[in-house]
């Protein structure tokens, strides 16, 4: 469907430019919408490795961490700092 097509386009963008940070954020959003929260967090973290100042990825990561069972209060606090 449309999600698969979007994921394919994002993956092509990443292959063409592995340092395109926003592509990883967008991939994280797709994973989140598909219910793959752990994969979404990994994608947001990759975006933040490339662009530590990405507000979108930072906020999306914090939101996603709230939905992971192991997202303890301490882990969320550390992630927010």
PDB file of N, CA and C in Angstrom:
ATOM      1  N   UNK A   1       0.809  -1.174   0.000  1.00  0.00           N
ATOM      2  CA  UNK A   1       0.000   0.000   0.000  1.00  0.00           C
ATOM      3  C   UNK A   1       0.863   1.253   0.000  1.00  0.00           C
ATOM      4  N   UNK A   2       0.241   2.317   0.423  1.00  0.00           N
ATOM      5  CA  UNK A   2       0.909   3.619   0.428  1.00  0.00           C
ATOM      6  C   UNK A   2       2.081   3.663   1.403  1.00  0.00           C
ATOM      7  N   UNK A   3       1.951   2.983   2.553  1.00  0.00           N
ATOM      8  CA  UNK A   3       3.055   2.985   3.522  1.00  0.00           C
ATOM      9  C   UNK A   3       4.276   2.285   2.948  1.00  0.00           C
ATOM     10  N   UNK A   4       4.048   1.175   2.258  1.00  0.00           N
ATOM     11  CA  UNK A   4       5.165   0.451   1.646  1.00  0.00           C
ATOM     12  C   UNK A   4       5.854   1.314   0.593  1.00  0.00           C
ATOM     13  N   UNK A   5       5.058   2.025  -0.198  1.00  0.00           N
ATOM     14  CA  UNK A   5       5.625   2.896  -1.227  1.00  0.00           C
ATOM     15  C   UNK A   5       6.422   4.032  -0.589  1.00  0.00           C
ATOM     16  N   UNK A   6       5.880   4.600   0.488  1.00  0.00           N
ATOM     17  CA  UNK A   6       6.587   5.678   1.184  1.00  0.00           C
ATOM     18  C   UNK A   6       7.887   5.165   1.791  1.00  0.00           C
ATOM     19  N   UNK A   7       7.839   3.994   2.420  1.00  0.00           N
ATOM     20  CA  UNK A   7       9.045   3.408   3.017  1.00  0.00           C
ATOM     21  C   UNK A   7      10.093   3.150   1.945  1.00  0.00           C
ATOM     22  N   UNK A   8       9.668   2.667   0.798  1.00  0.00           N
ATOM     23  CA  UNK A   8      10.590   2.399  -0.303  1.00  0.00           C
ATOM     24  C   UNK A   8      11.258   3.687  -0.777  1.00  0.00           C
ATOM     25  N   UNK A   9      10.493   4.759  -0.890  1.00  0.00           N
ATOM     26  CA  UNK A   9      11.054   6.040  -1.323  1.00  0.00           C
ATOM     27  C   UNK A   9      12.059   6.573  -0.300  1.00  0.00           C
ATOM     28  N   UNK A  10      11.726   6.443   0.979  1.00  0.00           N
ATOM     29  CA  UNK A  10      12.636   6.922   2.026  1.00  0.00           C
ATOM     30  C   UNK A  10      13.920   6.100   2.027  1.00  0.00           C
ATOM     31  N   UNK A  11      13.787   4.793   1.883  1.00  0.00           N
ATOM     32  CA  UNK A  11      14.971   3.929   1.852  1.00  0.00           C
ATOM     33  C   UNK A  11      15.863   4.261   0.659  1.00  0.00           C
ATOM     34  N   UNK A  12      15.260   4.592  -0.479  1.00  0.00           N
ATOM     35  CA  UNK A  12      16.044   5.007  -1.651  1.00  0.00           C
ATOM     36  C   UNK A  12      16.775   6.321  -1.367  1.00  0.00           C
ATOM     37  N   UNK A  13      16.100   7.238  -0.678  1.00  0.00           N
ATOM     38  CA  UNK A  13      16.737   8.512  -0.329  1.00  0.00           C
ATOM     39  C   UNK A  13      17.927   8.279   0.597  1.00  0.00           C
ATOM     40  N   UNK A  14      17.777   7.349   1.539  1.00  0.00           N
ATOM     41  CA  UNK A  14      18.863   7.033   2.471  1.00  0.00           C
ATOM     42  C   UNK A  14      20.028   6.381   1.733  1.00  0.00           C
ATOM     43  N   UNK A  15      19.726   5.493   0.796  1.00  0.00           N
ATOM     44  CA  UNK A  15      20.791   4.869   0.007  1.00  0.00           C
ATOM     45  C   UNK A  15      21.541   5.907  -0.818  1.00  0.00           C
ATOM     46  N   UNK A  16      20.813   6.865  -1.365  1.00  0.00           N
ATOM     47  CA  UNK A  16      21.436   7.906  -2.179  1.00  0.00           C
ATOM     48  C   UNK A  16      22.257   8.872  -1.327  1.00  0.00           C
ATOM     49  N   UNK A  17      21.796   9.108  -0.090  1.00  0.00           N
ATOM     50  CA  UNK A  17      22.491  10.044   0.803  1.00  0.00           C
ATOM     51  C   UNK A  17      22.332   9.569   2.247  1.00  0.00           C
ATOM     52  N   UNK A  18      23.228   8.706   2.708  1.00  0.00           N
ATOM     53  CA  UNK A  18      23.126   8.140   4.062  1.00  0.00           C
ATOM     54  C   UNK A  18      23.201   9.171   5.189  1.00  0.00           C
ATOM     55  N   UNK A  19      23.594  10.397   4.878  1.00  0.00           N
ATOM     56  CA  UNK A  19      23.649  11.427   5.916  1.00  0.00           C
ATOM     57  C   UNK A  19      22.442  12.366   5.871  1.00  0.00           C
ATOM     58  N   UNK A  20      21.410  11.987   5.140  1.00  0.00           N
ATOM     59  CA  UNK A  20      20.173  12.773   5.060  1.00  0.00           C
ATOM     60  C   UNK A  20      19.348  12.487   6.315  1.00  0.00           C
ATOM     61  N   UNK A  21      19.578  13.275   7.352  1.00  0.00           N
ATOM     62  CA  UNK A  21      19.001  13.023   8.673  1.00  0.00           C
ATOM     63  C   UNK A  21      17.478  12.960   8.655  1.00  0.00           C
ATOM     64  N   UNK A  22      16.838  13.886   7.974  1.00  0.00           N
ATOM     65  CA  UNK A  22      15.375  13.952   8.009  1.00  0.00           C
ATOM     66  C   UNK A  22      14.731  12.701   7.413  1.00  0.00           C
ATOM     67  N   UNK A  23      15.437  12.021   6.523  1.00  0.00           N
ATOM     68  CA  UNK A  23      14.900  10.768   5.976  1.00  0.00           C
ATOM     69  C   UNK A  23      14.733   9.737   7.085  1.00  0.00           C
ATOM     70  N   UNK A  24      15.679   9.698   8.013  1.00  0.00           N
ATOM     71  CA  UNK A  24      15.567   8.759   9.134  1.00  0.00           C
ATOM     72  C   UNK A  24      14.411   9.141  10.051  1.00  0.00           C
ATOM     73  N   UNK A  25      14.200  10.438  10.251  1.00  0.00           N
ATOM     74  CA  UNK A  25      13.055  10.871  11.042  1.00  0.00           C
ATOM     75  C   UNK A  25      11.758  10.432  10.371  1.00  0.00           C
ATOM     76  N   UNK A  26      11.673  10.642   9.059  1.00  0.00           N
ATOM     77  CA  UNK A  26      10.470  10.245   8.325  1.00  0.00           C
ATOM     78  C   UNK A  26      10.256   8.738   8.378  1.00  0.00           C
ATOM     79  N   UNK A  27      11.345   7.982   8.297  1.00  0.00           N
ATOM     80  CA  UNK A  27      11.241   6.533   8.408  1.00  0.00           C
ATOM     81  C   UNK A  27      10.722   6.154   9.797  1.00  0.00           C
ATOM     82  N   UNK A  28      11.197   6.856  10.810  1.00  0.00           N
ATOM     83  CA  UNK A  28      10.713   6.619  12.169  1.00  0.00           C
ATOM     84  C   UNK A  28       9.219   6.862  12.296  1.00  0.00           C
ATOM     85  N   UNK A  29       8.728   7.903  11.651  1.00  0.00           N
ATOM     86  CA  UNK A  29       7.291   8.193  11.677  1.00  0.00           C
ATOM     87  C   UNK A  29       6.512   7.055  11.020  1.00  0.00           C
ATOM     88  N   UNK A  30       7.017   6.563   9.894  1.00  0.00           N
ATOM     89  CA  UNK A  30       6.349   5.435   9.229  1.00  0.00           C
ATOM     90  C   UNK A  30       6.326   4.202  10.120  1.00  0.00           C
ATOM     91  N   UNK A  31       7.470   3.897  10.734  1.00  0.00           N
ATOM     92  CA  UNK A  31       7.526   2.750  11.639  1.00  0.00           C
ATOM     93  C   UNK A  31       6.544   2.925  12.793  1.00  0.00           C
ATOM     94  N   UNK A  32       6.513   4.135  13.360  1.00  0.00           N
ATOM     95  CA  UNK A  32       5.590   4.402  14.465  1.00  0.00           C
ATOM     96  C   UNK A  32       4.143   4.173  14.034  1.00  0.00           C
ATOM     97  N   UNK A  33       3.789   4.717  12.881  1.00  0.00           N
ATOM     98  CA  UNK A  33       2.417   4.578  12.392  1.00  0.00           C
ATOM     99  C   UNK A  33       2.055   3.129  12.098  1.00  0.00           C
ATOM    100  N   UNK A  34       3.081   2.318  11.783  1.00  0.00           N
ATOM    101  CA  UNK A  34       2.855   0.890  11.521  1.00  0.00           C
ATOM    102  C   UNK A  34       2.865   0.077  12.817  1.00  0.00           C
ATOM    103  N   UNK A  35       3.150   0.743  13.950  1.00  0.00           N
ATOM    104  CA  UNK A  35       3.160   0.046  15.232  1.00  0.00           C
ATOM    105  C   UNK A  35       4.498  -0.562  15.605  1.00  0.00           C
ATOM    106  N   UNK A  36       5.534  -0.269  14.835  1.00  0.00           N
ATOM    107  CA  UNK A  36       6.877  -0.798  15.113  1.00  0.00           C
ATOM    108  C   UNK A  36       7.666   0.254  15.900  1.00  0.00           C
ATOM    109  N   UNK A  37       7.314   0.384  17.173  1.00  0.00           N
ATOM    110  CA  UNK A  37       7.857   1.464  17.990  1.00  0.00           C
ATOM    111  C   UNK A  37       9.368   1.340  18.178  1.00  0.00           C
ATOM    112  N   UNK A  38       9.856   0.126  18.423  1.00  0.00           N
ATOM    113  CA  UNK A  38      11.294  -0.054  18.628  1.00  0.00           C
ATOM    114  C   UNK A  38      12.072   0.375  17.388  1.00  0.00           C
ATOM    115  N   UNK A  39      11.583  -0.002  16.204  1.00  0.00           N
ATOM    116  CA  UNK A  39      12.246   0.419  14.963  1.00  0.00           C
ATOM    117  C   UNK A  39      12.166   1.931  14.782  1.00  0.00           C
ATOM    118  N   UNK A  40      11.044   2.514  15.194  1.00  0.00           N
ATOM    119  CA  UNK A  40      10.922   3.966  15.060  1.00  0.00           C
ATOM    120  C   UNK A  40      11.946   4.676  15.939  1.00  0.00           C
ATOM    121  N   UNK A  41      12.130   4.200  17.168  1.00  0.00           N
ATOM    122  CA  UNK A  41      13.122   4.810  18.061  1.00  0.00           C
ATOM    123  C   UNK A  41      14.515   4.698  17.449  1.00  0.00           C
ATOM    124  N   UNK A  42      14.823   3.546  16.869  1.00  0.00           N
ATOM    125  CA  UNK A  42      16.134   3.362  16.235  1.00  0.00           C
ATOM    126  C   UNK A  42      16.327   4.351  15.088  1.00  0.00           C
ATOM    127  N   UNK A  43      15.285   4.574  14.306  1.00  0.00           N
ATOM    128  CA  UNK A  43      15.384   5.520  13.190  1.00  0.00           C
ATOM    129  C   UNK A  43      15.571   6.947  13.706  1.00  0.00           C
ATOM    130  N   UNK A  44      14.825   7.318  14.751  1.00  0.00           N
ATOM    131  CA  UNK A  44      14.988   8.658  15.327  1.00  0.00           C
ATOM    132  C   UNK A  44      16.396   8.835  15.884  1.00  0.00           C
ATOM    133  N   UNK A  45      16.914   7.800  16.534  1.00  0.00           N
ATOM    134  CA  UNK A  45      18.259   7.889  17.100  1.00  0.00           C
ATOM    135  C   UNK A  45      19.310   8.041  16.001  1.00  0.00           C
ATOM    136  N   UNK A  46      19.101   7.378  14.872  1.00  0.00           N
ATOM    137  CA  UNK A  46      20.033   7.529  13.745  1.00  0.00           C
ATOM    138  C   UNK A  46      19.981   8.964  13.221  1.00  0.00           C
ATOM    139  N   UNK A  47      18.784   9.511  13.126  1.00  0.00           N
ATOM    140  CA  UNK A  47      18.638  10.904  12.704  1.00  0.00           C
ATOM    141  C   UNK A  47      19.401  11.820  13.654  1.00  0.00           C
ATOM    142  N   UNK A  48      19.260  11.582  14.954  1.00  0.00           N
ATOM    143  CA  UNK A  48      19.914  12.426  15.952  1.00  0.00           C
ATOM    144  C   UNK A  48      21.427  12.254  15.962  1.00  0.00           C
ATOM    145  N   UNK A  49      21.909  11.087  15.545  1.00  0.00           N
ATOM    146  CA  UNK A  49      23.356  10.909  15.416  1.00  0.00           C
ATOM    147  C   UNK A  49      23.902  11.820  14.321  1.00  0.00           C
ATOM    148  N   UNK A  50      23.130  11.953  13.249  1.00  0.00           N
ATOM    149  CA  UNK A  50      23.550  12.778  12.116  1.00  0.00           C
ATOM    150  C   UNK A  50      23.318  14.258  12.422  1.00  0.00           C
ATOM    151  N   UNK A  51      22.155  14.553  12.993  1.00  0.00           N
ATOM    152  CA  UNK A  51      21.777  15.938  13.304  1.00  0.00           C
ATOM    153  C   UNK A  51      21.275  16.017  14.741  1.00  0.00           C
ATOM    154  N   UNK A  52      22.186  16.202  15.692  1.00  0.00           N
ATOM    155  CA  UNK A  52      21.797  16.237  17.105  1.00  0.00           C
ATOM    156  C   UNK A  52      20.792  17.339  17.449  1.00  0.00           C
ATOM    157  N   UNK A  53      20.653  18.333  16.585  1.00  0.00           N
ATOM    158  CA  UNK A  53      19.737  19.441  16.849  1.00  0.00           C
ATOM    159  C   UNK A  53      18.357  19.255  16.220  1.00  0.00           C
ATOM    160  N   UNK A  54      18.085  18.083  15.663  1.00  0.00           N
ATOM    161  CA  UNK A  54      16.788  17.837  15.030  1.00  0.00           C
ATOM    162  C   UNK A  54      15.683  17.816  16.083  1.00  0.00           C
ATOM    163  N   UNK A  55      14.878  18.877  16.092  1.00  0.00           N
ATOM    164  CA  UNK A  55      13.764  18.928  17.053  1.00  0.00           C
ATOM    165  C   UNK A  55      12.723  17.860  16.750  1.00  0.00           C
ATOM    166  N   UNK A  56      12.446  17.660  15.471  1.00  0.00           N
ATOM    167  CA  UNK A  56      11.438  16.661  15.109  1.00  0.00           C
ATOM    168  C   UNK A  56      11.817  15.288  15.636  1.00  0.00           C
ATOM    169  N   UNK A  57      13.037  14.863  15.360  1.00  0.00           N
ATOM    170  CA  UNK A  57      13.468  13.530  15.789  1.00  0.00           C
ATOM    171  C   UNK A  57      13.541  13.442  17.308  1.00  0.00           C
ATOM    172  N   UNK A  58      13.995  14.501  17.943  1.00  0.00           N
ATOM    173  CA  UNK A  58      14.076  14.497  19.399  1.00  0.00           C
ATOM    174  C   UNK A  58      12.711  14.347  20.041  1.00  0.00           C
ATOM    175  N   UNK A  59      11.749  15.115  19.564  1.00  0.00           N
ATOM    176  CA  UNK A  59      10.394  15.039  20.105  1.00  0.00           C
ATOM    177  C   UNK A  59       9.736  13.706  19.765  1.00  0.00           C
ATOM    178  N   UNK A  60       9.921  13.251  18.531  1.00  0.00           N
ATOM    179  CA  UNK A  60       9.331  11.972  18.131  1.00  0.00           C
ATOM    180  C   UNK A  60       9.909  10.821  18.943  1.00  0.00           C
ATOM    181  N   UNK A  61      11.207  10.879  19.214  1.00  0.00           N
ATOM    182  CA  UNK A  61      11.861   9.828  20.001  1.00  0.00           C
ATOM    183  C   UNK A  61      11.288   9.788  21.413  1.00  0.00           C
ATOM    184  N   UNK A  62      11.152  10.952  22.045  1.00  0.00           N
ATOM    185  CA  UNK A  62      10.590  10.995  23.396  1.00  0.00           C
ATOM    186  C   UNK A  62       9.172  10.446  23.420  1.00  0.00           C
ATOM    187  N   UNK A  63       8.376  10.822  22.442  1.00  0.00           N
ATOM    188  CA  UNK A  63       7.006  10.322  22.371  1.00  0.00           C
ATOM    189  C   UNK A  63       6.993   8.809  22.214  1.00  0.00           C
ATOM    190  N   UNK A  64       7.831   8.293  21.328  1.00  0.00           N
ATOM    191  CA  UNK A  64       7.873   6.845  21.091  1.00  0.00           C
ATOM    192  C   UNK A  64       8.349   6.093  22.328  1.00  0.00           C
ATOM    193  N   UNK A  65       9.312   6.657  23.050  1.00  0.00           N
ATOM    194  CA  UNK A  65       9.814   5.984  24.249  1.00  0.00           C
ATOM    195  C   UNK A  65       8.718   5.795  25.293  1.00  0.00           C
ATOM    196  N   UNK A  66       7.716   6.653  25.280  1.00  0.00           N
ATOM    197  CA  UNK A  66       6.588   6.510  26.203  1.00  0.00           C
ATOM    198  C   UNK A  66       5.791   5.244  25.941  1.00  0.00           C
ATOM    199  N   UNK A  67       5.878   4.717  24.726  1.00  0.00           N
ATOM    200  CA  UNK A  67       5.084   3.554  24.345  1.00  0.00           C
ATOM    201  C   UNK A  67       5.839   2.242  24.431  1.00  0.00           C
ATOM    202  N   UNK A  68       7.105   2.302  24.828  1.00  0.00           N
ATOM    203  CA  UNK A  68       7.893   1.078  24.962  1.00  0.00           C
ATOM    204  C   UNK A  68       7.851   0.651  26.416  1.00  0.00           C
ATOM    205  N   UNK A  69       7.606  -0.626  26.650  1.00  0.00           N
ATOM    206  CA  UNK A  69       7.496  -1.136  28.015  1.00  0.00           C
ATOM    207  C   UNK A  69       8.704  -0.781  28.863  1.00  0.00           C
ATOM    208  N   UNK A  70       9.892  -0.886  28.270  1.00  0.00           N
ATOM    209  CA  UNK A  70      11.091  -0.596  29.041  1.00  0.00           C
ATOM    210  C   UNK A  70      11.386   0.901  29.124  1.00  0.00           C
ATOM    211  N   UNK A  71      10.443   1.725  28.688  1.00  0.00           N
ATOM    212  CA  UNK A  71      10.611   3.173  28.765  1.00  0.00           C
ATOM    213  C   UNK A  71      10.374   3.681  30.177  1.00  0.00           C
ATOM    214  N   UNK A  72      11.269   3.350  31.087  1.00  0.00           N
ATOM    215  CA  UNK A  72      11.135   3.742  32.488  1.00  0.00           C
ATOM    216  C   UNK A  72      11.213   5.259  32.628  1.00  0.00           C
ATOM    217  N   UNK A  73      10.753   5.751  33.765  1.00  0.00           N
ATOM    218  CA  UNK A  73      10.813   7.187  34.016  1.00  0.00           C
ATOM    219  C   UNK A  73      12.247   7.703  33.962  1.00  0.00           C
ATOM    220  N   UNK A  74      13.185   6.933  34.510  1.00  0.00           N
ATOM    221  CA  UNK A  74      14.591   7.352  34.483  1.00  0.00           C
ATOM    222  C   UNK A  74      15.108   7.437  33.051  1.00  0.00           C
ATOM    223  N   UNK A  75      14.736   6.451  32.237  1.00  0.00           N
ATOM    224  CA  UNK A  75      15.183   6.438  30.843  1.00  0.00           C
ATOM    225  C   UNK A  75      14.597   7.638  30.091  1.00  0.00           C
ATOM    226  N   UNK A  76      13.319   7.927  30.341  1.00  0.00           N
ATOM    227  CA  UNK A  76      12.689   9.070  29.695  1.00  0.00           C
ATOM    228  C   UNK A  76      13.336  10.378  30.149  1.00  0.00           C
ATOM    229  N   UNK A  77      13.643  10.477  31.431  1.00  0.00           N
ATOM    230  CA  UNK A  77      14.295  11.678  31.949  1.00  0.00           C
ATOM    231  C   UNK A  77      15.656  11.878  31.290  1.00  0.00           C
ATOM    232  N   UNK A  78      16.429  10.811  31.220  1.00  0.00           N
ATOM    233  CA  UNK A  78      17.753  10.898  30.592  1.00  0.00           C
ATOM    234  C   UNK A  78      17.643  11.277  29.117  1.00  0.00           C
ATOM    235  N   UNK A  79      16.653  10.727  28.435  1.00  0.00           N
ATOM    236  CA  UNK A  79      16.468  11.018  27.014  1.00  0.00           C
ATOM    237  C   UNK A  79      16.060  12.469  26.804  1.00  0.00           C
ATOM    238  N   UNK A  80      15.362  13.028  27.766  1.00  0.00           N
ATOM    239  CA  UNK A  80      14.866  14.394  27.634  1.00  0.00           C
ATOM    240  C   UNK A  80      15.955  15.431  27.861  1.00  0.00           C
ATOM    241  N   UNK A  81      17.021  15.062  28.552  1.00  0.00           N
ATOM    242  CA  UNK A  81      18.078  16.029  28.864  1.00  0.00           C
ATOM    243  C   UNK A  81      18.920  16.323  27.698  1.00  0.00           C
TER     244      UNK A  81
END
